[in-house]
Every structure is written in structure tokens, then in C-alpha cells.
């Protein structure tokens, strides 16, 4: 496994990785969880996939097997800012405005979204390694831009998984149940430091092959 990070200005350096990530997102968030988010028959892509976004993906033998998106809480693009701020301002019908409790705009804080992992990552050891690499990539991106904290709207179970991997995740918002998938979510916060060893990052120009994770 290896980690790659990029934004829209450098996605061309990594072959079809960005598009494959959008395909993986569609298969999980739309096909599996049933979220009502913008998509077609192949990919899921929303208003936050814009030039302000950064991505941390994990590749295995050239195939995208996991990833997530990150954006500064100071970001704006058109009428949108970042996802949680838009939710607080009542712009997103599927996320309750009270989920965060405050309107955060700070260069020190970045938001992470669309964390996903392929079902081809089957063992617990592989899933732990993949999650570690995704999150460390997000940390590297945010730290490079001067951030000191990450936050995300995530399933409650993710907090325990992150803590087990050495990341200092904690809940900062009230939990709620998502009407689309029935799962419990809350806003998590985490410093951009960790207590585990560094993970491999890509040292060459990756050329991933098309993703062939099965639809569910």
C-alpha cells in the first residue's frame, strides 16, 4: 500500500486515481448506504470537489482502495464554504444545523469528508493499515498548510478506531441518526499529530488501474 495526496492542480500526476476515488465513493455512499447525493451511474461528486479540496488516497498495486477529502474551514467556492459550515447555515437538508453548534472559520482547522474504503480490503490488519495511511495523508496535507486540527462528521465507531491507531480523536458535537442509512454520526475533532510511526508515501508517479471493487 502507498499513500498519495493531491488537489485538482496535481491530480493529473496520478493517472485515474481521482476518478477511481469518485467511483469508490458512489459504490459505498450511494449504492450501499443509500445517500441522496449528486451522482450518475458511475461516480459520486458534489459541490465540495472543487479547487479548494485536497485528497488523501491509498493505492494497492495501482488500485484505489481508500481515501478521503480535506478542506480548510476558511474555504469558499461560489455560494458554498465547507460541508459542516453549510450545514450549520441550513444549506444541507440531510445534516441538522445543530450538529456542530458553532460557525467555525479558522485557518487552524480543516474539515475531512468522504472517508471510504473498498470492500476488497478484507482483513482487520489491512483495514487498519489503510485507515492509518488515509488519515496520515490528511494530517500531512493540513499540516503543510499550517493547520493544527482536523474535524469530520463521522460514524461514532470511527472515533474508537482512530484512537486504537494512536490518533487523538474526540467527539465535539451531539450525535444524530442519519435518515438515509440509519447510522449514528457526530462531529469528531483530532490534532494533526499522532503517536504511531509514519506510513509510506508515494515516491513515484502512480498510474492506478480502473477500480474493480464489487458493487453492493
C-alpha atoms as a PDB file:
ATOM      1  CA  UNK A   1       0.000   0.000   0.000  1.00  0.00           C
ATOM      2  CA  UNK A   2       1.066   3.579  -0.569  1.00  0.00           C
ATOM      3  CA  UNK A   3      -0.422   6.995   0.073  1.00  0.00           C
ATOM      4  CA  UNK A   4      -0.831   9.831  -2.431  1.00  0.00           C
ATOM      5  CA  UNK A   5      -2.048  13.359  -1.738  1.00  0.00           C
ATOM      6  CA  UNK A   6      -3.066  15.977  -4.293  1.00  0.00           C
ATOM      7  CA  UNK A   7      -5.509  18.716  -5.222  1.00  0.00           C
ATOM      8  CA  UNK A   8      -7.133  19.452  -8.587  1.00  0.00           C
ATOM      9  CA  UNK A   9      -3.991  21.133  -9.882  1.00  0.00           C
ATOM     10  CA  UNK A  10      -1.934  17.947  -9.471  1.00  0.00           C
ATOM     11  CA  UNK A  11      -4.454  15.129  -9.909  1.00  0.00           C
ATOM     12  CA  UNK A  12      -3.123  14.519 -13.445  1.00  0.00           C
ATOM     13  CA  UNK A  13       0.111  13.219 -11.906  1.00  0.00           C
ATOM     14  CA  UNK A  14      -1.728  10.168 -10.573  1.00  0.00           C
ATOM     15  CA  UNK A  15      -3.464   8.730 -13.604  1.00  0.00           C
ATOM     16  CA  UNK A  16      -7.115   7.854 -12.993  1.00  0.00           C
ATOM     17  CA  UNK A  17      -6.817   7.842  -9.185  1.00  0.00           C
ATOM     18  CA  UNK A  18      -9.186  10.776  -8.640  1.00  0.00           C
ATOM     19  CA  UNK A  19     -11.875   9.323 -10.909  1.00  0.00           C
ATOM     20  CA  UNK A  20     -11.465   5.908  -9.306  1.00  0.00           C
ATOM     21  CA  UNK A  21     -11.954   7.527  -5.901  1.00  0.00           C
ATOM     22  CA  UNK A  22     -15.223   9.054  -7.136  1.00  0.00           C
ATOM     23  CA  UNK A  23     -16.287   5.586  -8.338  1.00  0.00           C
ATOM     24  CA  UNK A  24     -15.484   4.061  -4.960  1.00  0.00           C
ATOM     25  CA  UNK A  25     -17.471   6.802  -3.236  1.00  0.00           C
ATOM     26  CA  UNK A  26     -20.502   6.125  -5.431  1.00  0.00           C
ATOM     27  CA  UNK A  27     -20.437   2.431  -4.691  1.00  0.00           C
ATOM     28  CA  UNK A  28     -20.301   2.988  -0.948  1.00  0.00           C
ATOM     29  CA  UNK A  29     -22.263   6.146  -0.196  1.00  0.00           C
ATOM     30  CA  UNK A  30     -24.930   5.752  -2.884  1.00  0.00           C
ATOM     31  CA  UNK A  31     -25.200   2.031  -3.669  1.00  0.00           C
ATOM     32  CA  UNK A  32     -24.564   0.733  -0.137  1.00  0.00           C
ATOM     33  CA  UNK A  33     -25.697   3.483   2.233  1.00  0.00           C
ATOM     34  CA  UNK A  34     -28.394   4.971   0.021  1.00  0.00           C
ATOM     35  CA  UNK A  35     -27.371   8.605   0.459  1.00  0.00           C
ATOM     36  CA  UNK A  36     -29.228  11.204  -1.614  1.00  0.00           C
ATOM     37  CA  UNK A  37     -26.168  12.975  -3.013  1.00  0.00           C
ATOM     38  CA  UNK A  38     -25.156  14.019  -6.565  1.00  0.00           C
ATOM     39  CA  UNK A  39     -24.123  11.035  -8.700  1.00  0.00           C
ATOM     40  CA  UNK A  40     -24.612   9.255 -12.005  1.00  0.00           C
ATOM     41  CA  UNK A  41     -24.352   5.552 -12.796  1.00  0.00           C
ATOM     42  CA  UNK A  42     -20.592   5.542 -12.208  1.00  0.00           C
ATOM     43  CA  UNK A  43     -19.358   8.258  -9.842  1.00  0.00           C
ATOM     44  CA  UNK A  44     -20.391  10.436  -6.906  1.00  0.00           C
ATOM     45  CA  UNK A  45     -19.201  14.055  -6.925  1.00  0.00           C
ATOM     46  CA  UNK A  46     -20.538  17.086  -5.090  1.00  0.00           C
ATOM     47  CA  UNK A  47     -20.022  20.841  -4.702  1.00  0.00           C
ATOM     48  CA  UNK A  48     -17.049  20.336  -2.373  1.00  0.00           C
ATOM     49  CA  UNK A  49     -14.961  18.615  -5.052  1.00  0.00           C
ATOM     50  CA  UNK A  50     -13.602  21.979  -6.129  1.00  0.00           C
ATOM     51  CA  UNK A  51     -10.165  23.667  -6.344  1.00  0.00           C
ATOM     52  CA  UNK A  52     -10.146  24.230  -2.572  1.00  0.00           C
ATOM     53  CA  UNK A  53     -10.226  20.494  -1.841  1.00  0.00           C
ATOM     54  CA  UNK A  54      -7.312  18.151  -1.162  1.00  0.00           C
ATOM     55  CA  UNK A  55      -7.340  14.357  -1.302  1.00  0.00           C
ATOM     56  CA  UNK A  56      -5.535  11.548   0.501  1.00  0.00           C
ATOM     57  CA  UNK A  57      -5.828   8.193  -1.268  1.00  0.00           C
ATOM     58  CA  UNK A  58      -4.370   4.766  -0.640  1.00  0.00           C
ATOM     59  CA  UNK A  59      -3.286   2.564  -3.545  1.00  0.00           C
ATOM     60  CA  UNK A  60      -2.588  -1.157  -3.587  1.00  0.00           C
ATOM     61  CA  UNK A  61      -0.932  -2.459  -6.738  1.00  0.00           C
ATOM     62  CA  UNK A  62      -2.125   0.685  -8.525  1.00  0.00           C
ATOM     63  CA  UNK A  63      -5.768   0.309  -7.405  1.00  0.00           C
ATOM     64  CA  UNK A  64      -7.511   2.915  -5.259  1.00  0.00           C
ATOM     65  CA  UNK A  65      -8.672   1.078  -2.141  1.00  0.00           C
ATOM     66  CA  UNK A  66      -9.438   4.001   0.152  1.00  0.00           C
ATOM     67  CA  UNK A  67      -9.387   7.737   0.531  1.00  0.00           C
ATOM     68  CA  UNK A  68     -10.818  10.923   1.952  1.00  0.00           C
ATOM     69  CA  UNK A  69     -11.166  14.628   1.154  1.00  0.00           C
ATOM     70  CA  UNK A  70      -9.981  17.623   3.179  1.00  0.00           C
ATOM     71  CA  UNK A  71     -10.658  21.346   3.036  1.00  0.00           C
ATOM     72  CA  UNK A  72      -9.769  24.369   5.174  1.00  0.00           C
ATOM     73  CA  UNK A  73     -12.628  25.831   7.186  1.00  0.00           C
ATOM     74  CA  UNK A  74     -11.746  29.188   5.607  1.00  0.00           C
ATOM     75  CA  UNK A  75     -12.507  27.827   2.123  1.00  0.00           C
ATOM     76  CA  UNK A  76     -15.260  29.234  -0.071  1.00  0.00           C
ATOM     77  CA  UNK A  77     -16.273  28.358  -3.619  1.00  0.00           C
ATOM     78  CA  UNK A  78     -19.232  30.162  -5.096  1.00  0.00           C
ATOM     79  CA  UNK A  79     -22.107  30.081  -2.619  1.00  0.00           C
ATOM     80  CA  UNK A  80     -20.579  27.232  -0.604  1.00  0.00           C
ATOM     81  CA  UNK A  81     -17.958  27.087   2.117  1.00  0.00           C
ATOM     82  CA  UNK A  82     -17.178  23.698   3.683  1.00  0.00           C
ATOM     83  CA  UNK A  83     -19.738  20.980   4.378  1.00  0.00           C
ATOM     84  CA  UNK A  84     -20.270  21.405   8.132  1.00  0.00           C
ATOM     85  CA  UNK A  85     -20.482  25.195   7.908  1.00  0.00           C
ATOM     86  CA  UNK A  86     -23.063  24.901   5.138  1.00  0.00           C
ATOM     87  CA  UNK A  87     -24.988  22.501   7.377  1.00  0.00           C
ATOM     88  CA  UNK A  88     -24.868  24.941  10.315  1.00  0.00           C
ATOM     89  CA  UNK A  89     -26.207  27.633   7.978  1.00  0.00           C
ATOM     90  CA  UNK A  90     -29.105  25.390   6.921  1.00  0.00           C
ATOM     91  CA  UNK A  91     -27.938  24.794   3.340  1.00  0.00           C
ATOM     92  CA  UNK A  92     -27.875  20.969   3.581  1.00  0.00           C
ATOM     93  CA  UNK A  93     -31.158  19.236   4.257  1.00  0.00           C
ATOM     94  CA  UNK A  94     -29.653  15.892   5.326  1.00  0.00           C
ATOM     95  CA  UNK A  95     -27.407  17.294   8.098  1.00  0.00           C
ATOM     96  CA  UNK A  96     -29.061  19.028  11.097  1.00  0.00           C
ATOM     97  CA  UNK A  97     -27.777  22.595  11.695  1.00  0.00           C
ATOM     98  CA  UNK A  98     -27.134  21.865  15.384  1.00  0.00           C
ATOM     99  CA  UNK A  99     -24.662  19.074  14.606  1.00  0.00           C
ATOM    100  CA  UNK A 100     -21.671  21.375  15.155  1.00  0.00           C
ATOM    101  CA  UNK A 101     -23.119  24.013  17.439  1.00  0.00           C
ATOM    102  CA  UNK A 102     -20.964  26.873  16.170  1.00  0.00           C
ATOM    103  CA  UNK A 103     -19.870  28.537  12.953  1.00  0.00           C
ATOM    104  CA  UNK A 104     -16.165  27.704  12.703  1.00  0.00           C
ATOM    105  CA  UNK A 105     -13.898  29.650  10.327  1.00  0.00           C
ATOM    106  CA  UNK A 106     -10.228  29.204  11.199  1.00  0.00           C
ATOM    107  CA  UNK A 107      -7.009  28.625   9.281  1.00  0.00           C
ATOM    108  CA  UNK A 108      -6.028  26.258  12.091  1.00  0.00           C
ATOM    109  CA  UNK A 109      -8.918  23.857  11.450  1.00  0.00           C
ATOM    110  CA  UNK A 110      -9.537  21.664   8.403  1.00  0.00           C
ATOM    111  CA  UNK A 111     -12.587  19.526   7.681  1.00  0.00           C
ATOM    112  CA  UNK A 112     -12.321  15.928   6.401  1.00  0.00           C
ATOM    113  CA  UNK A 113     -15.126  14.305   4.397  1.00  0.00           C
ATOM    114  CA  UNK A 114     -15.976  11.291   2.231  1.00  0.00           C
ATOM    115  CA  UNK A 115     -13.774   8.795   4.068  1.00  0.00           C
ATOM    116  CA  UNK A 116     -14.230   5.473   2.310  1.00  0.00           C
ATOM    117  CA  UNK A 117     -12.531   2.103   1.976  1.00  0.00           C
ATOM    118  CA  UNK A 118     -13.006  -0.640  -0.616  1.00  0.00           C
ATOM    119  CA  UNK A 119     -14.548  -3.955   0.377  1.00  0.00           C
ATOM    120  CA  UNK A 120     -11.523  -5.582  -1.237  1.00  0.00           C
ATOM    121  CA  UNK A 121      -9.623  -4.540   1.911  1.00  0.00           C
ATOM    122  CA  UNK A 122     -10.811  -7.563   3.824  1.00  0.00           C
ATOM    123  CA  UNK A 123      -8.666  -8.268   6.881  1.00  0.00           C
ATOM    124  CA  UNK A 124      -8.642  -6.162  10.032  1.00  0.00           C
ATOM    125  CA  UNK A 125      -4.893  -5.637   9.687  1.00  0.00           C
ATOM    126  CA  UNK A 126      -5.287  -4.364   6.123  1.00  0.00           C
ATOM    127  CA  UNK A 127      -8.174  -2.076   7.073  1.00  0.00           C
ATOM    128  CA  UNK A 128      -6.199  -0.640   9.987  1.00  0.00           C
ATOM    129  CA  UNK A 129      -3.192  -0.010   7.751  1.00  0.00           C
ATOM    130  CA  UNK A 130      -5.356   1.574   5.067  1.00  0.00           C
ATOM    131  CA  UNK A 131      -7.155   3.842   7.544  1.00  0.00           C
ATOM    132  CA  UNK A 132      -3.848   4.895   9.090  1.00  0.00           C
ATOM    133  CA  UNK A 133      -2.455   5.861   5.695  1.00  0.00           C
ATOM    134  CA  UNK A 134      -5.580   7.805   4.697  1.00  0.00           C
ATOM    135  CA  UNK A 135      -5.606   9.775   7.937  1.00  0.00           C
ATOM    136  CA  UNK A 136      -1.874  10.418   7.984  1.00  0.00           C
ATOM    137  CA  UNK A 137      -2.164  11.754   4.446  1.00  0.00           C
ATOM    138  CA  UNK A 138      -4.868  14.160   5.631  1.00  0.00           C
ATOM    139  CA  UNK A 139      -2.641  15.200   8.531  1.00  0.00           C
ATOM    140  CA  UNK A 140       0.288  15.823   6.190  1.00  0.00           C
ATOM    141  CA  UNK A 141      -1.804  17.968   3.845  1.00  0.00           C
ATOM    142  CA  UNK A 142      -3.342  20.026   6.646  1.00  0.00           C
ATOM    143  CA  UNK A 143      -0.043  20.450   8.490  1.00  0.00           C
ATOM    144  CA  UNK A 144       1.663  21.622   5.294  1.00  0.00           C
ATOM    145  CA  UNK A 145      -0.939  24.411   5.135  1.00  0.00           C
ATOM    146  CA  UNK A 146      -0.391  25.392   8.781  1.00  0.00           C
ATOM    147  CA  UNK A 147      -3.410  23.671  10.334  1.00  0.00           C
ATOM    148  CA  UNK A 148      -3.333  22.220  13.840  1.00  0.00           C
ATOM    149  CA  UNK A 149      -6.677  20.405  13.996  1.00  0.00           C
ATOM    150  CA  UNK A 150      -8.902  18.200  11.840  1.00  0.00           C
ATOM    151  CA  UNK A 151     -12.627  17.673  12.250  1.00  0.00           C
ATOM    152  CA  UNK A 152     -15.147  15.480  10.489  1.00  0.00           C
ATOM    153  CA  UNK A 153     -18.753  14.355  10.599  1.00  0.00           C
ATOM    154  CA  UNK A 154     -18.260  10.620  11.048  1.00  0.00           C
ATOM    155  CA  UNK A 155     -19.868   7.432  12.355  1.00  0.00           C
ATOM    156  CA  UNK A 156     -19.352   7.162  16.100  1.00  0.00           C
ATOM    157  CA  UNK A 157     -17.448   3.889  15.660  1.00  0.00           C
ATOM    158  CA  UNK A 158     -14.696   5.737  13.798  1.00  0.00           C
ATOM    159  CA  UNK A 159     -13.610   7.572  16.956  1.00  0.00           C
ATOM    160  CA  UNK A 160     -12.748   4.296  18.677  1.00  0.00           C
ATOM    161  CA  UNK A 161     -10.953   3.004  15.573  1.00  0.00           C
ATOM    162  CA  UNK A 162      -8.856   6.168  15.324  1.00  0.00           C
ATOM    163  CA  UNK A 163      -7.927   6.043  18.998  1.00  0.00           C
ATOM    164  CA  UNK A 164      -6.833   2.419  18.664  1.00  0.00           C
ATOM    165  CA  UNK A 165      -4.490   3.501  15.873  1.00  0.00           C
ATOM    166  CA  UNK A 166      -2.917   6.217  18.008  1.00  0.00           C
ATOM    167  CA  UNK A 167      -4.856   9.258  16.759  1.00  0.00           C
ATOM    168  CA  UNK A 168      -6.278  11.633  19.373  1.00  0.00           C
ATOM    169  CA  UNK A 169      -9.879  11.708  18.151  1.00  0.00           C
ATOM    170  CA  UNK A 170     -12.670  13.021  20.355  1.00  0.00           C
ATOM    171  CA  UNK A 171     -16.335  13.912  19.900  1.00  0.00           C
ATOM    172  CA  UNK A 172     -17.181  17.640  19.883  1.00  0.00           C
ATOM    173  CA  UNK A 173     -20.789  17.594  18.662  1.00  0.00           C
ATOM    174  CA  UNK A 174     -24.060  15.963  19.644  1.00  0.00           C
ATOM    175  CA  UNK A 175     -24.786  12.628  17.897  1.00  0.00           C
ATOM    176  CA  UNK A 176     -27.682  12.259  15.474  1.00  0.00           C
ATOM    177  CA  UNK A 177     -29.143   9.472  13.349  1.00  0.00           C
ATOM    178  CA  UNK A 178     -28.874   9.756   9.565  1.00  0.00           C
ATOM    179  CA  UNK A 179     -32.286   9.150   7.970  1.00  0.00           C
ATOM    180  CA  UNK A 180     -30.720   7.660   4.830  1.00  0.00           C
ATOM    181  CA  UNK A 181     -28.648   4.876   6.381  1.00  0.00           C
ATOM    182  CA  UNK A 182     -29.856   4.698   9.996  1.00  0.00           C
ATOM    183  CA  UNK A 183     -26.330   5.114  11.396  1.00  0.00           C
ATOM    184  CA  UNK A 184     -25.300   7.398  14.262  1.00  0.00           C
ATOM    185  CA  UNK A 185     -22.977  10.290  13.401  1.00  0.00           C
ATOM    186  CA  UNK A 186     -21.239  13.075  15.303  1.00  0.00           C
ATOM    187  CA  UNK A 187     -18.545  15.674  14.678  1.00  0.00           C
ATOM    188  CA  UNK A 188     -15.099  14.406  15.680  1.00  0.00           C
ATOM    189  CA  UNK A 189     -12.000  16.502  16.295  1.00  0.00           C
ATOM    190  CA  UNK A 190      -8.347  15.441  16.188  1.00  0.00           C
ATOM    191  CA  UNK A 191      -4.963  17.210  16.424  1.00  0.00           C
ATOM    192  CA  UNK A 192      -2.685  16.986  13.387  1.00  0.00           C
ATOM    193  CA  UNK A 193      -0.179  14.895  15.299  1.00  0.00           C
ATOM    194  CA  UNK A 194      -0.152  11.200  16.148  1.00  0.00           C
ATOM    195  CA  UNK A 195       1.637   8.670  18.327  1.00  0.00           C
ATOM    196  CA  UNK A 196       2.317   5.970  15.737  1.00  0.00           C
ATOM    197  CA  UNK A 197       5.162   5.634  13.231  1.00  0.00           C
ATOM    198  CA  UNK A 198       4.993   7.307   9.835  1.00  0.00           C
ATOM    199  CA  UNK A 199       3.497   5.407   6.903  1.00  0.00           C
ATOM    200  CA  UNK A 200       4.791   5.077   3.337  1.00  0.00           C
ATOM    201  CA  UNK A 201       4.003   7.855   0.885  1.00  0.00           C
ATOM    202  CA  UNK A 202       4.221   7.531  -2.884  1.00  0.00           C
ATOM    203  CA  UNK A 203       7.708   8.207  -4.200  1.00  0.00           C
ATOM    204  CA  UNK A 204       6.866   7.784  -7.867  1.00  0.00           C
ATOM    205  CA  UNK A 205       4.168   8.822 -10.275  1.00  0.00           C
ATOM    206  CA  UNK A 206       1.351   6.373  -9.611  1.00  0.00           C
ATOM    207  CA  UNK A 207      -0.645   5.017 -12.542  1.00  0.00           C
ATOM    208  CA  UNK A 208      -3.563   3.171 -10.938  1.00  0.00           C
ATOM    209  CA  UNK A 209      -5.724   0.823 -12.947  1.00  0.00           C
ATOM    210  CA  UNK A 210      -9.540   1.140 -13.023  1.00  0.00           C
ATOM    211  CA  UNK A 211     -11.201   0.068  -9.805  1.00  0.00           C
ATOM    212  CA  UNK A 212     -12.996  -3.261  -9.869  1.00  0.00           C
ATOM    213  CA  UNK A 213     -14.453  -3.336  -6.351  1.00  0.00           C
ATOM    214  CA  UNK A 214     -17.808  -5.154  -6.469  1.00  0.00           C
ATOM    215  CA  UNK A 215     -20.995  -3.110  -6.136  1.00  0.00           C
ATOM    216  CA  UNK A 216     -23.134  -3.994  -3.128  1.00  0.00           C
END
